PDB file of N, CA and C in Angstrom:
ATOM      1  N   MET A   1     227.322  43.143  98.136  1.00  0.00           N
ATOM      2  CA  MET A   1     227.422  43.413  99.553  1.00  0.00           C
ATOM      3  C   MET A   1     228.648  42.652 100.074  1.00  0.00           C
ATOM      4  N   PRO A   2     229.707  43.363 100.473  1.00  0.00           N
ATOM      5  CA  PRO A   2     230.918  42.695 100.946  1.00  0.00           C
ATOM      6  C   PRO A   2     230.722  41.928 102.250  1.00  0.00           C
ATOM      7  N   GLU A   3     231.402  40.787 102.317  1.00  0.00           N
ATOM      8  CA  GLU A   3     231.448  40.021 103.561  1.00  0.00           C
ATOM      9  C   GLU A   3     232.527  40.640 104.435  1.00  0.00           C
ATOM     10  N   ILE A   4     232.131  41.149 105.587  1.00  0.00           N
ATOM     11  CA  ILE A   4     233.047  41.811 106.500  1.00  0.00           C
ATOM     12  C   ILE A   4     233.715  40.802 107.431  1.00  0.00           C
ATOM     13  N   CYS A   5     232.947  39.781 107.835  1.00  0.00           N
ATOM     14  CA  CYS A   5     233.463  38.807 108.794  1.00  0.00           C
ATOM     15  C   CYS A   5     232.563  37.566 108.788  1.00  0.00           C
ATOM     16  N   ARG A   6     233.139  36.460 109.283  1.00  0.00           N
ATOM     17  CA  ARG A   6     232.379  35.214 109.444  1.00  0.00           C
ATOM     18  C   ARG A   6     232.913  34.498 110.686  1.00  0.00           C
ATOM     19  N   PHE A   7     232.001  34.111 111.586  1.00  0.00           N
ATOM     20  CA  PHE A   7     232.403  33.364 112.778  1.00  0.00           C
ATOM     21  C   PHE A   7     231.232  32.535 113.279  1.00  0.00           C
ATOM     22  N   TYR A   8     231.517  31.328 113.723  1.00  0.00           N
ATOM     23  CA  TYR A   8     230.515  30.401 114.276  1.00  0.00           C
ATOM     24  C   TYR A   8     229.269  30.293 113.396  1.00  0.00           C
ATOM     25  N   GLY A   9     229.452  30.286 112.089  1.00  0.00           N
ATOM     26  CA  GLY A   9     228.340  30.164 111.154  1.00  0.00           C
ATOM     27  C   GLY A   9     227.581  31.456 110.927  1.00  0.00           C
ATOM     28  N   ILE A  10     228.008  32.546 111.536  1.00  0.00           N
ATOM     29  CA  ILE A  10     227.365  33.853 111.392  1.00  0.00           C
ATOM     30  C   ILE A  10     228.107  34.642 110.328  1.00  0.00           C
ATOM     31  N   LEU A  11     227.376  35.190 109.389  1.00  0.00           N
ATOM     32  CA  LEU A  11     227.940  35.981 108.301  1.00  0.00           C
ATOM     33  C   LEU A  11     227.610  37.447 108.543  1.00  0.00           C
ATOM     34  N   ILE A  12     228.623  38.306 108.494  1.00  0.00           N
ATOM     35  CA  ILE A  12     228.448  39.738 108.693  1.00  0.00           C
ATOM     36  C   ILE A  12     228.731  40.438 107.372  1.00  0.00           C
ATOM     37  N   LYS A  13     227.783  41.293 106.927  1.00  0.00           N
ATOM     38  CA  LYS A  13     227.911  42.006 105.657  1.00  0.00           C
ATOM     39  C   LYS A  13     227.538  43.470 105.831  1.00  0.00           C
ATOM     40  N   MET A  14     227.983  44.281 104.868  1.00  0.00           N
ATOM     41  CA  MET A  14     227.567  45.678 104.779  1.00  0.00           C
ATOM     42  C   MET A  14     227.266  45.985 103.319  1.00  0.00           C
ATOM     43  N   PHE A  15     226.288  46.837 103.091  1.00  0.00           N
ATOM     44  CA  PHE A  15     225.958  47.294 101.740  1.00  0.00           C
ATOM     45  C   PHE A  15     226.829  48.472 101.348  1.00  0.00           C
ATOM     46  N   PHE A  16     227.046  48.641 100.049  1.00  0.00           N
ATOM     47  CA  PHE A  16     227.662  49.850  99.527  1.00  0.00           C
ATOM     48  C   PHE A  16     226.639  50.978  99.625  1.00  0.00           C
ATOM     49  N   ALA A  17     227.073  52.188  99.968  1.00  0.00           N
ATOM     50  CA  ALA A  17     226.230  53.397  99.983  1.00  0.00           C
ATOM     51  C   ALA A  17     224.906  53.148 100.711  1.00  0.00           C
ATOM     52  N   ASP A  18     224.966  52.635 101.914  1.00  0.00           N
ATOM     53  CA  ASP A  18     223.766  52.306 102.683  1.00  0.00           C
ATOM     54  C   ASP A  18     223.298  53.498 103.511  1.00  0.00           C
ATOM     55  N   HIS A  19     222.084  53.420 103.995  1.00  0.00           N
ATOM     56  CA  HIS A  19     221.446  54.492 104.764  1.00  0.00           C
ATOM     57  C   HIS A  19     221.960  54.534 106.203  1.00  0.00           C
ATOM     58  N   VAL A  20     221.747  55.663 106.862  1.00  0.00           N
ATOM     59  CA  VAL A  20     222.072  55.793 108.283  1.00  0.00           C
ATOM     60  C   VAL A  20     220.886  55.324 109.102  1.00  0.00           C
ATOM     61  N   PRO A  21     221.035  54.940 110.349  1.00  0.00           N
ATOM     62  CA  PRO A  21     222.242  54.984 111.151  1.00  0.00           C
ATOM     63  C   PRO A  21     223.252  53.927 110.698  1.00  0.00           C
ATOM     64  N   PRO A  22     224.530  54.116 111.056  1.00  0.00           N
ATOM     65  CA  PRO A  22     225.534  53.110 110.702  1.00  0.00           C
ATOM     66  C   PRO A  22     225.137  51.739 111.252  1.00  0.00           C
ATOM     67  N   HIS A  23     225.162  50.747 110.386  1.00  0.00           N
ATOM     68  CA  HIS A  23     224.692  49.416 110.764  1.00  0.00           C
ATOM     69  C   HIS A  23     225.362  48.352 109.903  1.00  0.00           C
ATOM     70  N   PHE A  24     225.128  47.100 110.282  1.00  0.00           N
ATOM     71  CA  PHE A  24     225.569  45.969 109.467  1.00  0.00           C
ATOM     72  C   PHE A  24     224.476  44.916 109.464  1.00  0.00           C
ATOM     73  N   HIS A  25     224.616  43.973 108.552  1.00  0.00           N
ATOM     74  CA  HIS A  25     223.647  42.888 108.384  1.00  0.00           C
ATOM     75  C   HIS A  25     224.306  41.594 108.836  1.00  0.00           C
ATOM     76  N   ALA A  26     223.578  40.786 109.593  1.00  0.00           N
ATOM     77  CA  ALA A  26     224.087  39.487 110.045  1.00  0.00           C
ATOM     78  C   ALA A  26     223.099  38.407 109.635  1.00  0.00           C
ATOM     79  N   GLU A  27     223.647  37.249 109.237  1.00  0.00           N
ATOM     80  CA  GLU A  27     222.820  36.111 108.835  1.00  0.00           C
ATOM     81  C   GLU A  27     223.313  34.862 109.552  1.00  0.00           C
ATOM     82  N   TYR A  28     222.353  34.037 109.951  1.00  0.00           N
ATOM     83  CA  TYR A  28     222.680  32.758 110.576  1.00  0.00           C
ATOM     84  C   TYR A  28     221.529  31.792 110.328  1.00  0.00           C
ATOM     85  N   GLN A  29     221.794  30.722 109.601  1.00  0.00           N
ATOM     86  CA  GLN A  29     220.809  29.663 109.327  1.00  0.00           C
ATOM     87  C   GLN A  29     219.454  30.225 108.899  1.00  0.00           C
ATOM     88  N   GLY A  30     219.456  31.140 107.957  1.00  0.00           N
ATOM     89  CA  GLY A  30     218.210  31.691 107.426  1.00  0.00           C
ATOM     90  C   GLY A  30     217.643  32.859 108.214  1.00  0.00           C
ATOM     91  N   ASN A  31     218.179  33.112 109.385  1.00  0.00           N
ATOM     92  CA  ASN A  31     217.754  34.269 110.187  1.00  0.00           C
ATOM     93  C   ASN A  31     218.599  35.469 109.777  1.00  0.00           C
ATOM     94  N   LYS A  32     217.948  36.627 109.699  1.00  0.00           N
ATOM     95  CA  LYS A  32     218.648  37.849 109.307  1.00  0.00           C
ATOM     96  C   LYS A  32     218.303  38.962 110.278  1.00  0.00           C
ATOM     97  N   VAL A  33     219.330  39.784 110.563  1.00  0.00           N
ATOM     98  CA  VAL A  33     219.143  40.877 111.493  1.00  0.00           C
ATOM     99  C   VAL A  33     220.003  42.053 111.031  1.00  0.00           C
ATOM    100  N   ILE A  34     219.533  43.254 111.323  1.00  0.00           N
ATOM    101  CA  ILE A  34     220.305  44.472 111.081  1.00  0.00           C
ATOM    102  C   ILE A  34     220.639  45.047 112.447  1.00  0.00           C
ATOM    103  N   ILE A  35     221.924  45.338 112.663  1.00  0.00           N
ATOM    104  CA  ILE A  35     222.404  45.801 113.963  1.00  0.00           C
ATOM    105  C   ILE A  35     222.960  47.221 113.846  1.00  0.00           C
ATOM    106  N   ASP A  36     222.516  48.096 114.746  1.00  0.00           N
ATOM    107  CA  ASP A  36     223.042  49.456 114.851  1.00  0.00           C
ATOM    108  C   ASP A  36     224.450  49.366 115.445  1.00  0.00           C
ATOM    109  N   ILE A  37     225.445  49.904 114.762  1.00  0.00           N
ATOM    110  CA  ILE A  37     226.828  49.785 115.218  1.00  0.00           C
ATOM    111  C   ILE A  37     227.061  50.529 116.529  1.00  0.00           C
ATOM    112  N   LYS A  38     226.489  51.696 116.686  1.00  0.00           N
ATOM    113  CA  LYS A  38     226.768  52.513 117.872  1.00  0.00           C
ATOM    114  C   LYS A  38     226.112  51.981 119.145  1.00  0.00           C
ATOM    115  N   THR A  39     224.978  51.297 119.014  1.00  0.00           N
ATOM    116  CA  THR A  39     224.280  50.798 120.203  1.00  0.00           C
ATOM    117  C   THR A  39     224.316  49.276 120.314  1.00  0.00           C
ATOM    118  N   SER A  40     224.679  48.593 119.251  1.00  0.00           N
ATOM    119  CA  SER A  40     224.659  47.130 119.106  1.00  0.00           C
ATOM    120  C   SER A  40     223.251  46.544 119.263  1.00  0.00           C
ATOM    121  N   GLU A  41     222.234  47.387 119.109  1.00  0.00           N
ATOM    122  CA  GLU A  41     220.840  46.946 119.209  1.00  0.00           C
ATOM    123  C   GLU A  41     220.293  46.534 117.846  1.00  0.00           C
ATOM    124  N   VAL A  42     219.282  45.678 117.859  1.00  0.00           N
ATOM    125  CA  VAL A  42     218.618  45.225 116.639  1.00  0.00           C
ATOM    126  C   VAL A  42     217.777  46.359 116.070  1.00  0.00           C
ATOM    127  N   ILE A  43     217.984  46.654 114.797  1.00  0.00           N
ATOM    128  CA  ILE A  43     217.151  47.622 114.085  1.00  0.00           C
ATOM    129  C   ILE A  43     215.973  46.898 113.454  1.00  0.00           C
ATOM    130  N   GLU A  44     216.266  45.720 112.922  1.00  0.00           N
ATOM    131  CA  GLU A  44     215.238  44.968 112.200  1.00  0.00           C
ATOM    132  C   GLU A  44     215.641  43.499 112.135  1.00  0.00           C
ATOM    133  N   GLY A  45     214.649  42.623 112.133  1.00  0.00           N
ATOM    134  CA  GLY A  45     214.896  41.206 111.931  1.00  0.00           C
ATOM    135  C   GLY A  45     214.893  40.393 113.215  1.00  0.00           C
ATOM    136  N   PHE A  46     215.271  39.128 113.064  1.00  0.00           N
ATOM    137  CA  PHE A  46     215.301  38.189 114.188  1.00  0.00           C
ATOM    138  C   PHE A  46     216.569  37.355 114.111  1.00  0.00           C
ATOM    139  N   MET A  47     217.118  37.068 115.288  1.00  0.00           N
ATOM    140  CA  MET A  47     218.273  36.188 115.411  1.00  0.00           C
ATOM    141  C   MET A  47     218.102  35.410 116.714  1.00  0.00           C
ATOM    142  N   PRO A  48     218.390  34.095 116.716  1.00  0.00           N
ATOM    143  CA  PRO A  48     218.341  33.352 117.979  1.00  0.00           C
ATOM    144  C   PRO A  48     219.215  34.030 119.034  1.00  0.00           C
ATOM    145  N   ASN A  49     218.783  33.975 120.278  1.00  0.00           N
ATOM    146  CA  ASN A  49     219.408  34.709 121.369  1.00  0.00           C
ATOM    147  C   ASN A  49     220.914  34.439 121.494  1.00  0.00           C
ATOM    148  N   LYS A  50     221.334  33.184 121.428  1.00  0.00           N
ATOM    149  CA  LYS A  50     222.754  32.850 121.575  1.00  0.00           C
ATOM    150  C   LYS A  50     223.593  33.539 120.508  1.00  0.00           C
ATOM    151  N   GLN A  51     223.158  33.472 119.255  1.00  0.00           N
ATOM    152  CA  GLN A  51     223.891  34.093 118.159  1.00  0.00           C
ATOM    153  C   GLN A  51     223.813  35.624 118.249  1.00  0.00           C
ATOM    154  N   LEU A  52     222.664  36.150 118.667  1.00  0.00           N
ATOM    155  CA  LEU A  52     222.524  37.592 118.813  1.00  0.00           C
ATOM    156  C   LEU A  52     223.508  38.123 119.840  1.00  0.00           C
ATOM    157  N   LYS A  53     223.660  37.438 120.960  1.00  0.00           N
ATOM    158  CA  LYS A  53     224.597  37.867 122.002  1.00  0.00           C
ATOM    159  C   LYS A  53     226.033  37.861 121.474  1.00  0.00           C
ATOM    160  N   MET A  54     226.384  36.854 120.669  1.00  0.00           N
ATOM    161  CA  MET A  54     227.726  36.816 120.083  1.00  0.00           C
ATOM    162  C   MET A  54     227.927  37.979 119.119  1.00  0.00           C
ATOM    163  N   ILE A  55     226.932  38.253 118.289  1.00  0.00           N
ATOM    164  CA  ILE A  55     227.006  39.357 117.337  1.00  0.00           C
ATOM    165  C   ILE A  55     227.148  40.689 118.068  1.00  0.00           C
ATOM    166  N   GLN A  56     226.373  40.880 119.116  1.00  0.00           N
ATOM    167  CA  GLN A  56     226.437  42.130 119.865  1.00  0.00           C
ATOM    168  C   GLN A  56     227.788  42.292 120.570  1.00  0.00           C
ATOM    169  N   ALA A  57     228.326  41.211 121.118  1.00  0.00           N
ATOM    170  CA  ALA A  57     229.640  41.273 121.761  1.00  0.00           C
ATOM    171  C   ALA A  57     230.710  41.622 120.728  1.00  0.00           C
ATOM    172  N   TRP A  58     230.646  41.004 119.562  1.00  0.00           N
ATOM    173  CA  TRP A  58     231.588  41.286 118.483  1.00  0.00           C
ATOM    174  C   TRP A  58     231.469  42.739 118.040  1.00  0.00           C
ATOM    175  N   CYS A  59     230.246  43.247 117.958  1.00  0.00           N
ATOM    176  CA  CYS A  59     229.997  44.637 117.570  1.00  0.00           C
ATOM    177  C   CYS A  59     230.669  45.604 118.542  1.00  0.00           C
ATOM    178  N   VAL A  60     230.515  45.365 119.825  1.00  0.00           N
ATOM    179  CA  VAL A  60     231.121  46.234 120.838  1.00  0.00           C
ATOM    180  C   VAL A  60     232.649  46.202 120.714  1.00  0.00           C
ATOM    181  N   LEU A  61     233.221  45.023 120.525  1.00  0.00           N
ATOM    182  CA  LEU A  61     234.675  44.885 120.406  1.00  0.00           C
ATOM    183  C   LEU A  61     235.242  45.597 119.185  1.00  0.00           C
ATOM    184  N   HIS A  62     234.453  45.668 118.118  1.00  0.00           N
ATOM    185  CA  HIS A  62     234.945  46.185 116.834  1.00  0.00           C
ATOM    186  C   HIS A  62     234.192  47.428 116.361  1.00  0.00           C
ATOM    187  N   GLU A  63     233.614  48.175 117.292  1.00  0.00           N
ATOM    188  CA  GLU A  63     232.801  49.342 116.919  1.00  0.00           C
ATOM    189  C   GLU A  63     233.563  50.325 116.026  1.00  0.00           C
ATOM    190  N   ASP A  64     234.782  50.671 116.383  1.00  0.00           N
ATOM    191  CA  ASP A  64     235.547  51.639 115.594  1.00  0.00           C
ATOM    192  C   ASP A  64     235.801  51.138 114.170  1.00  0.00           C
ATOM    193  N   GLU A  65     236.179  49.871 114.045  1.00  0.00           N
ATOM    194  CA  GLU A  65     236.425  49.293 112.724  1.00  0.00           C
ATOM    195  C   GLU A  65     235.143  49.227 111.898  1.00  0.00           C
ATOM    196  N   LEU A  66     234.041  48.889 112.550  1.00  0.00           N
ATOM    197  CA  LEU A  66     232.755  48.829 111.857  1.00  0.00           C
ATOM    198  C   LEU A  66     232.334  50.214 111.356  1.00  0.00           C
ATOM    199  N   LEU A  67     232.490  51.224 112.199  1.00  0.00           N
ATOM    200  CA  LEU A  67     232.139  52.582 111.790  1.00  0.00           C
ATOM    201  C   LEU A  67     233.012  53.045 110.628  1.00  0.00           C
ATOM    202  N   LEU A  68     234.292  52.719 110.678  1.00  0.00           N
ATOM    203  CA  LEU A  68     235.190  53.073 109.588  1.00  0.00           C
ATOM    204  C   LEU A  68     234.784  52.368 108.294  1.00  0.00           C
ATOM    205  N   ASN A  69     234.466  51.083 108.374  1.00  0.00           N
ATOM    206  CA  ASN A  69     234.013  50.355 107.182  1.00  0.00           C
ATOM    207  C   ASN A  69     232.712  50.935 106.644  1.00  0.00           C
ATOM    208  N   PHE A  70     231.787  51.282 107.531  1.00  0.00           N
ATOM    209  CA  PHE A  70     230.517  51.855 107.076  1.00  0.00           C
ATOM    210  C   PHE A  70     230.784  53.146 106.298  1.00  0.00           C
ATOM    211  N   GLN A  71     231.632  53.996 106.845  1.00  0.00           N
ATOM    212  CA  GLN A  71     231.971  55.259 106.183  1.00  0.00           C
ATOM    213  C   GLN A  71     232.698  54.992 104.864  1.00  0.00           C
ATOM    214  N   THR A  72     233.629  54.067 104.874  1.00  0.00           N
ATOM    215  CA  THR A  72     234.396  53.734 103.674  1.00  0.00           C
ATOM    216  C   THR A  72     233.494  53.207 102.567  1.00  0.00           C
ATOM    217  N   LEU A  73     232.586  52.309 102.920  1.00  0.00           N
ATOM    218  CA  LEU A  73     231.695  51.730 101.909  1.00  0.00           C
ATOM    219  C   LEU A  73     230.721  52.771 101.338  1.00  0.00           C
ATOM    220  N   ASN A  74     230.519  53.852 102.050  1.00  0.00           N
ATOM    221  CA  ASN A  74     229.669  54.923 101.542  1.00  0.00           C
ATOM    222  C   ASN A  74     230.456  55.938 100.715  1.00  0.00           C
ATOM    223  N   ASN A  75     231.783  56.035 100.928  1.00  0.00           N
ATOM    224  CA  ASN A  75     232.574  57.059 100.251  1.00  0.00           C
ATOM    225  C   ASN A  75     233.595  56.515  99.260  1.00  0.00           C
ATOM    226  N   ASN A  76     234.259  55.418  99.602  1.00  0.00           N
ATOM    227  CA  ASN A  76     235.312  54.853  98.754  1.00  0.00           C
ATOM    228  C   ASN A  76     235.297  53.335  98.887  1.00  0.00           C
ATOM    229  N   PRO A  77     234.318  52.680  98.278  1.00  0.00           N
ATOM    230  CA  PRO A  77     234.089  51.248  98.519  1.00  0.00           C
ATOM    231  C   PRO A  77     235.245  50.319  98.179  1.00  0.00           C
ATOM    232  N   ALA A  78     236.246  50.786  97.478  1.00  0.00           N
ATOM    233  CA  ALA A  78     237.359  49.911  97.103  1.00  0.00           C
ATOM    234  C   ALA A  78     238.314  49.657  98.266  1.00  0.00           C
ATOM    235  N   THR A  79     238.179  50.382  99.376  1.00  0.00           N
ATOM    236  CA  THR A  79     239.182  50.292 100.434  1.00  0.00           C
ATOM    237  C   THR A  79     238.668  49.717 101.757  1.00  0.00           C
ATOM    238  N   TRP A  80     237.525  49.074 101.795  1.00  0.00           N
ATOM    239  CA  TRP A  80     237.009  48.499 103.045  1.00  0.00           C
ATOM    240  C   TRP A  80     237.899  47.349 103.503  1.00  0.00           C
ATOM    241  N   GLU A  81     237.797  47.013 104.784  1.00  0.00           N
ATOM    242  CA  GLU A  81     238.643  45.977 105.382  1.00  0.00           C
ATOM    243  C   GLU A  81     237.804  44.889 106.034  1.00  0.00           C
ATOM    244  N   LYS A  82     238.315  43.647 105.972  1.00  0.00           N
ATOM    245  CA  LYS A  82     237.705  42.576 106.767  1.00  0.00           C
ATOM    246  C   LYS A  82     238.018  42.829 108.227  1.00  0.00           C
ATOM    247  N   ILE A  83     237.163  42.328 109.121  1.00  0.00           N
ATOM    248  CA  ILE A  83     237.351  42.515 110.547  1.00  0.00           C
ATOM    249  C   ILE A  83     237.543  41.157 111.199  1.00  0.00           C
ATOM    250  N   GLU A  84     238.415  41.118 112.185  1.00  0.00           N
ATOM    251  CA  GLU A  84     238.737  39.891 112.916  1.00  0.00           C
ATOM    252  C   GLU A  84     237.473  39.233 113.480  1.00  0.00           C
ATOM    253  N   PRO A  85     237.339  37.921 113.333  1.00  0.00           N
ATOM    254  CA  PRO A  85     236.163  37.236 113.878  1.00  0.00           C
ATOM    255  C   PRO A  85     236.212  37.099 115.398  1.00  0.00           C
ATOM    256  N   LEU A  86     235.095  36.733 115.971  1.00  0.00           N
ATOM    257  CA  LEU A  86     235.005  36.434 117.395  1.00  0.00           C
ATOM    258  C   LEU A  86     235.635  35.068 117.617  1.00  0.00           C
ATOM    259  N   HIS A  87     236.462  34.940 118.641  1.00  0.00           N
ATOM    260  CA  HIS A  87     237.139  33.662 118.937  1.00  0.00           C
ATOM    261  C   HIS A  87     236.588  33.069 120.198  1.00  0.00           C
TER     262      HIS A  87
END
């Protein structure tokens, strides 16, 4: 599972050939959450509120890049890109 981004101790990953809807996985201090890219809503899991808000803000800022990576990892996994972290 490639690491797409890392910021403020939050790790963002995507699986190769993963199921729809387009989503990513985030981890922070043992907490794990799956986020829908198009809505930035939690699909599954738990994340502390402060970190969840940062993840959702980052998702909105990088929606196009996330969707492209999701598609790439499902079709041509050798060409995915890292995404700029939240500053």
